[in-house]
Amino acid sequence: MAIKSLLAKDIKKLNNSINNAINYVDIDYDVKRDPSNPWTTKTRSTICRNDYAILNAYRLWLQSKRYDYVRAPDFGGLFENNLNDRVYFSPDNEEAVRQIVIEESAIKWPDITVLECHVTAIVQRREWLIRIVAQDKGTRLVLTDENLIIPVDN
């Protein structure tokens, strides 16, 4: 009995250690999850219908980090590496970032048309706020995301 409680205590200690040491974000696939959970993304829940597969993948790509795509390590991380090397974080560069998002989307996502894109630099928190409307060319379905928040410093 003592071994079981010791093991349970060690597992809890390991869990707390991992939560404190690893800065991760869990993509919220569970629509019923409590939104106050600090490990949930700041965006809406991912839509889990087959028709939206390309649009979901596009949304995840916008939020991805470099090496998130194991077999294509340079595919992800638009805001992590590529963008921060090309554009200085400033409200003056919002239009330049908007153009980069549209151009990169066209290159890497030929099945998606970006209908609208607005970029705002939130200087106090060092974050880019992206408002995007994109359409899947095949299904004609539209993704509207008003609240994509991308931190500048990861």
C-alpha atoms as a PDB file:
ATOM      1  CA  MET A   1       0.000   0.000   0.000  1.00  0.00           C
ATOM      2  CA  ALA A   2       2.829   2.400   0.855  1.00  0.00           C
ATOM      3  CA  ILE A   3       4.474   1.782  -2.517  1.00  0.00           C
ATOM      4  CA  LYS A   4       1.259   2.714  -4.343  1.00  0.00           C
ATOM      5  CA  SER A   5       0.860   6.007  -2.452  1.00  0.00           C
ATOM      6  CA  LEU A   6       4.552   6.812  -2.938  1.00  0.00           C
ATOM      7  CA  LEU A   7       4.178   6.156  -6.663  1.00  0.00           C
ATOM      8  CA  ALA A   8       1.060   8.338  -6.847  1.00  0.00           C
ATOM      9  CA  LYS A   9       2.916  11.121  -5.024  1.00  0.00           C
ATOM     10  CA  ASP A  10       5.871  10.836  -7.433  1.00  0.00           C
ATOM     11  CA  ILE A  11       3.545  10.981 -10.443  1.00  0.00           C
ATOM     12  CA  LYS A  12       1.878  14.112  -9.086  1.00  0.00           C
ATOM     13  CA  LYS A  13       5.289  15.659  -8.375  1.00  0.00           C
ATOM     14  CA  LEU A  14       6.461  14.819 -11.916  1.00  0.00           C
ATOM     15  CA  ASN A  15       3.277  16.302 -13.400  1.00  0.00           C
ATOM     16  CA  ASN A  16       3.753  19.549 -11.457  1.00  0.00           C
ATOM     17  CA  SER A  17       7.407  19.679 -12.474  1.00  0.00           C
ATOM     18  CA  ILE A  18       6.542  19.224 -16.145  1.00  0.00           C
ATOM     19  CA  ASN A  19       3.799  21.859 -16.011  1.00  0.00           C
ATOM     20  CA  ASN A  20       6.219  24.357 -14.435  1.00  0.00           C
ATOM     21  CA  ALA A  21       9.199  23.566 -16.674  1.00  0.00           C
ATOM     22  CA  ILE A  22       7.595  23.175 -20.098  1.00  0.00           C
ATOM     23  CA  ASN A  23       5.898  26.136 -21.714  1.00  0.00           C
ATOM     24  CA  TYR A  24       3.395  24.412 -23.993  1.00  0.00           C
ATOM     25  CA  VAL A  25       0.016  25.244 -25.455  1.00  0.00           C
ATOM     26  CA  ASP A  26      -2.627  22.609 -25.949  1.00  0.00           C
ATOM     27  CA  ILE A  27      -4.773  23.044 -29.058  1.00  0.00           C
ATOM     28  CA  ASP A  28      -8.368  23.069 -27.861  1.00  0.00           C
ATOM     29  CA  TYR A  29     -10.202  20.286 -29.692  1.00  0.00           C
ATOM     30  CA  ASP A  30     -12.635  19.822 -26.799  1.00  0.00           C
ATOM     31  CA  VAL A  31     -15.450  22.307 -27.263  1.00  0.00           C
ATOM     32  CA  LYS A  32     -16.663  21.739 -23.683  1.00  0.00           C
ATOM     33  CA  ARG A  33     -13.291  22.564 -22.083  1.00  0.00           C
ATOM     34  CA  ASP A  34     -13.299  25.308 -19.476  1.00  0.00           C
ATOM     35  CA  PRO A  35     -12.030  28.477 -21.255  1.00  0.00           C
ATOM     36  CA  SER A  36     -10.311  29.642 -18.061  1.00  0.00           C
ATOM     37  CA  ASN A  37      -7.835  26.754 -18.396  1.00  0.00           C
ATOM     38  CA  PRO A  38      -4.415  28.462 -18.892  1.00  0.00           C
ATOM     39  CA  TRP A  39      -3.174  25.663 -21.175  1.00  0.00           C
ATOM     40  CA  THR A  40      -5.864  26.279 -23.796  1.00  0.00           C
ATOM     41  CA  THR A  41      -5.158  28.320 -26.920  1.00  0.00           C
ATOM     42  CA  LYS A  42      -6.541  31.834 -27.136  1.00  0.00           C
ATOM     43  CA  THR A  43      -8.472  31.029 -30.304  1.00  0.00           C
ATOM     44  CA  ARG A  44     -11.825  29.392 -30.757  1.00  0.00           C
ATOM     45  CA  SER A  45     -12.084  25.620 -30.710  1.00  0.00           C
ATOM     46  CA  THR A  46     -10.959  23.860 -33.854  1.00  0.00           C
ATOM     47  CA  ILE A  47     -13.890  22.796 -36.005  1.00  0.00           C
ATOM     48  CA  CYS A  48     -13.772  19.012 -36.371  1.00  0.00           C
ATOM     49  CA  ARG A  49     -15.752  18.401 -39.550  1.00  0.00           C
ATOM     50  CA  ASN A  50     -14.121  16.866 -42.619  1.00  0.00           C
ATOM     51  CA  ASP A  51     -15.222  19.752 -44.840  1.00  0.00           C
ATOM     52  CA  TYR A  52     -13.102  22.116 -42.771  1.00  0.00           C
ATOM     53  CA  ALA A  53      -9.904  20.023 -42.818  1.00  0.00           C
ATOM     54  CA  ILE A  54      -7.871  22.379 -45.015  1.00  0.00           C
ATOM     55  CA  LEU A  55      -9.071  25.474 -43.177  1.00  0.00           C
ATOM     56  CA  ASN A  56      -8.242  23.862 -39.813  1.00  0.00           C
ATOM     57  CA  ALA A  57      -4.782  22.943 -41.059  1.00  0.00           C
ATOM     58  CA  TYR A  58      -4.306  26.518 -42.271  1.00  0.00           C
ATOM     59  CA  ARG A  59      -5.306  27.950 -38.873  1.00  0.00           C
ATOM     60  CA  LEU A  60      -2.902  25.579 -37.116  1.00  0.00           C
ATOM     61  CA  TRP A  61      -0.140  26.589 -39.560  1.00  0.00           C
ATOM     62  CA  LEU A  62      -0.625  30.265 -38.730  1.00  0.00           C
ATOM     63  CA  GLN A  63      -0.109  29.446 -35.045  1.00  0.00           C
ATOM     64  CA  SER A  64       2.610  26.847 -35.532  1.00  0.00           C
ATOM     65  CA  LYS A  65       6.196  26.962 -34.448  1.00  0.00           C
ATOM     66  CA  ARG A  66       9.247  25.920 -36.356  1.00  0.00           C
ATOM     67  CA  TYR A  67       9.702  22.128 -36.305  1.00  0.00           C
ATOM     68  CA  ASP A  68       6.017  21.488 -35.519  1.00  0.00           C
ATOM     69  CA  TYR A  69       5.879  19.664 -38.850  1.00  0.00           C
ATOM     70  CA  VAL A  70       8.336  16.812 -38.311  1.00  0.00           C
ATOM     71  CA  ARG A  71       8.872  15.868 -41.947  1.00  0.00           C
ATOM     72  CA  ALA A  72       8.903  19.495 -43.114  1.00  0.00           C
ATOM     73  CA  PRO A  73      10.595  21.456 -40.308  1.00  0.00           C
ATOM     74  CA  ASP A  74      10.698  24.749 -42.219  1.00  0.00           C
ATOM     75  CA  PHE A  75       6.989  24.623 -43.124  1.00  0.00           C
ATOM     76  CA  GLY A  76       5.736  25.978 -39.786  1.00  0.00           C
ATOM     77  CA  GLY A  77       6.667  28.907 -37.653  1.00  0.00           C
ATOM     78  CA  LEU A  78       5.855  31.874 -39.896  1.00  0.00           C
ATOM     79  CA  PHE A  79       5.741  34.187 -36.894  1.00  0.00           C
ATOM     80  CA  GLU A  80       8.472  32.446 -34.946  1.00  0.00           C
ATOM     81  CA  ASN A  81      11.448  32.600 -37.259  1.00  0.00           C
ATOM     82  CA  ASN A  82      10.753  33.894 -40.758  1.00  0.00           C
ATOM     83  CA  LEU A  83       8.725  36.943 -39.839  1.00  0.00           C
ATOM     84  CA  ASN A  84      10.802  38.152 -36.903  1.00  0.00           C
ATOM     85  CA  ASP A  85      13.932  38.046 -39.093  1.00  0.00           C
ATOM     86  CA  ARG A  86      12.282  40.083 -41.856  1.00  0.00           C
ATOM     87  CA  VAL A  87      10.221  42.656 -39.986  1.00  0.00           C
ATOM     88  CA  TYR A  88      10.913  44.624 -36.828  1.00  0.00           C
ATOM     89  CA  PHE A  89       8.030  44.406 -34.339  1.00  0.00           C
ATOM     90  CA  SER A  90       6.294  47.769 -34.564  1.00  0.00           C
ATOM     91  CA  PRO A  91       2.888  49.222 -35.478  1.00  0.00           C
ATOM     92  CA  ASP A  92       4.648  50.802 -38.467  1.00  0.00           C
ATOM     93  CA  ASN A  93       5.175  47.324 -39.945  1.00  0.00           C
ATOM     94  CA  GLU A  94       1.594  46.037 -39.725  1.00  0.00           C
ATOM     95  CA  GLU A  95       1.063  46.392 -43.486  1.00  0.00           C
ATOM     96  CA  ALA A  96       4.351  44.595 -44.221  1.00  0.00           C
ATOM     97  CA  VAL A  97       3.314  41.707 -41.945  1.00  0.00           C
ATOM     98  CA  ARG A  98      -0.084  41.589 -43.627  1.00  0.00           C
ATOM     99  CA  GLN A  99       1.602  41.260 -47.025  1.00  0.00           C
ATOM    100  CA  ILE A 100       3.908  38.511 -45.752  1.00  0.00           C
ATOM    101  CA  VAL A 101       0.950  36.545 -44.354  1.00  0.00           C
ATOM    102  CA  ILE A 102      -0.900  36.825 -47.676  1.00  0.00           C
ATOM    103  CA  GLU A 103       2.183  35.916 -49.769  1.00  0.00           C
ATOM    104  CA  GLU A 104       3.235  32.972 -47.565  1.00  0.00           C
ATOM    105  CA  SER A 105      -0.357  31.724 -47.515  1.00  0.00           C
ATOM    106  CA  ALA A 106      -0.515  31.794 -51.312  1.00  0.00           C
ATOM    107  CA  ILE A 107       2.789  29.903 -51.616  1.00  0.00           C
ATOM    108  CA  LYS A 108       2.191  27.246 -48.959  1.00  0.00           C
ATOM    109  CA  TRP A 109      -1.606  26.959 -49.202  1.00  0.00           C
ATOM    110  CA  PRO A 110      -2.592  27.055 -52.906  1.00  0.00           C
ATOM    111  CA  ASP A 111      -6.051  25.673 -52.069  1.00  0.00           C
ATOM    112  CA  ILE A 112      -6.875  28.680 -49.884  1.00  0.00           C
ATOM    113  CA  THR A 113      -7.684  32.254 -50.827  1.00  0.00           C
ATOM    114  CA  VAL A 114      -7.117  34.936 -48.197  1.00  0.00           C
ATOM    115  CA  LEU A 115     -10.144  37.197 -48.582  1.00  0.00           C
ATOM    116  CA  GLU A 116      -9.262  39.602 -45.785  1.00  0.00           C
ATOM    117  CA  CYS A 117      -6.318  40.056 -43.444  1.00  0.00           C
ATOM    118  CA  HIS A 118      -5.778  42.676 -40.754  1.00  0.00           C
ATOM    119  CA  VAL A 119      -2.694  42.786 -38.552  1.00  0.00           C
ATOM    120  CA  THR A 120      -2.338  44.780 -35.350  1.00  0.00           C
ATOM    121  CA  ALA A 121       0.798  45.049 -33.226  1.00  0.00           C
ATOM    122  CA  ILE A 122      -0.068  44.943 -29.528  1.00  0.00           C
ATOM    123  CA  VAL A 123       3.061  46.630 -28.238  1.00  0.00           C
ATOM    124  CA  GLN A 124       2.317  46.313 -24.506  1.00  0.00           C
ATOM    125  CA  ARG A 125       2.177  42.506 -24.718  1.00  0.00           C
ATOM    126  CA  ARG A 126       4.536  42.084 -27.734  1.00  0.00           C
ATOM    127  CA  GLU A 127       1.931  40.195 -29.746  1.00  0.00           C
ATOM    128  CA  TRP A 128       0.545  40.286 -33.258  1.00  0.00           C
ATOM    129  CA  LEU A 129      -3.256  40.202 -33.442  1.00  0.00           C
ATOM    130  CA  ILE A 130      -4.365  38.685 -36.744  1.00  0.00           C
ATOM    131  CA  ARG A 131      -7.896  38.941 -38.081  1.00  0.00           C
ATOM    132  CA  ILE A 132      -8.232  36.739 -41.125  1.00  0.00           C
ATOM    133  CA  VAL A 133     -10.934  35.568 -43.494  1.00  0.00           C
ATOM    134  CA  ALA A 134      -9.894  32.704 -45.775  1.00  0.00           C
ATOM    135  CA  GLN A 135     -11.799  30.531 -48.205  1.00  0.00           C
ATOM    136  CA  ASP A 136     -11.185  26.944 -49.283  1.00  0.00           C
ATOM    137  CA  LYS A 137     -11.208  27.009 -53.107  1.00  0.00           C
ATOM    138  CA  GLY A 138     -12.535  23.444 -53.312  1.00  0.00           C
ATOM    139  CA  THR A 139     -15.414  23.529 -50.840  1.00  0.00           C
ATOM    140  CA  ARG A 140     -15.987  27.321 -50.889  1.00  0.00           C
ATOM    141  CA  LEU A 141     -16.213  27.185 -47.068  1.00  0.00           C
ATOM    142  CA  VAL A 142     -14.981  30.263 -45.235  1.00  0.00           C
ATOM    143  CA  LEU A 143     -12.803  30.510 -42.130  1.00  0.00           C
ATOM    144  CA  THR A 144     -13.203  33.674 -40.092  1.00  0.00           C
ATOM    145  CA  ASP A 145     -10.837  34.122 -37.186  1.00  0.00           C
ATOM    146  CA  GLU A 146     -10.935  37.453 -35.390  1.00  0.00           C
ATOM    147  CA  ASN A 147      -8.635  36.520 -32.562  1.00  0.00           C
ATOM    148  CA  LEU A 148      -5.388  34.882 -33.665  1.00  0.00           C
ATOM    149  CA  ILE A 149      -2.801  36.061 -31.164  1.00  0.00           C
ATOM    150  CA  ILE A 150       0.824  35.337 -31.994  1.00  0.00           C
ATOM    151  CA  PRO A 151       3.501  36.202 -29.407  1.00  0.00           C
ATOM    152  CA  VAL A 152       6.629  37.833 -30.827  1.00  0.00           C
ATOM    153  CA  ASP A 153       8.985  36.365 -28.224  1.00  0.00           C
ATOM    154  CA  ASN A 154       8.591  32.621 -27.825  1.00  0.00           C
END
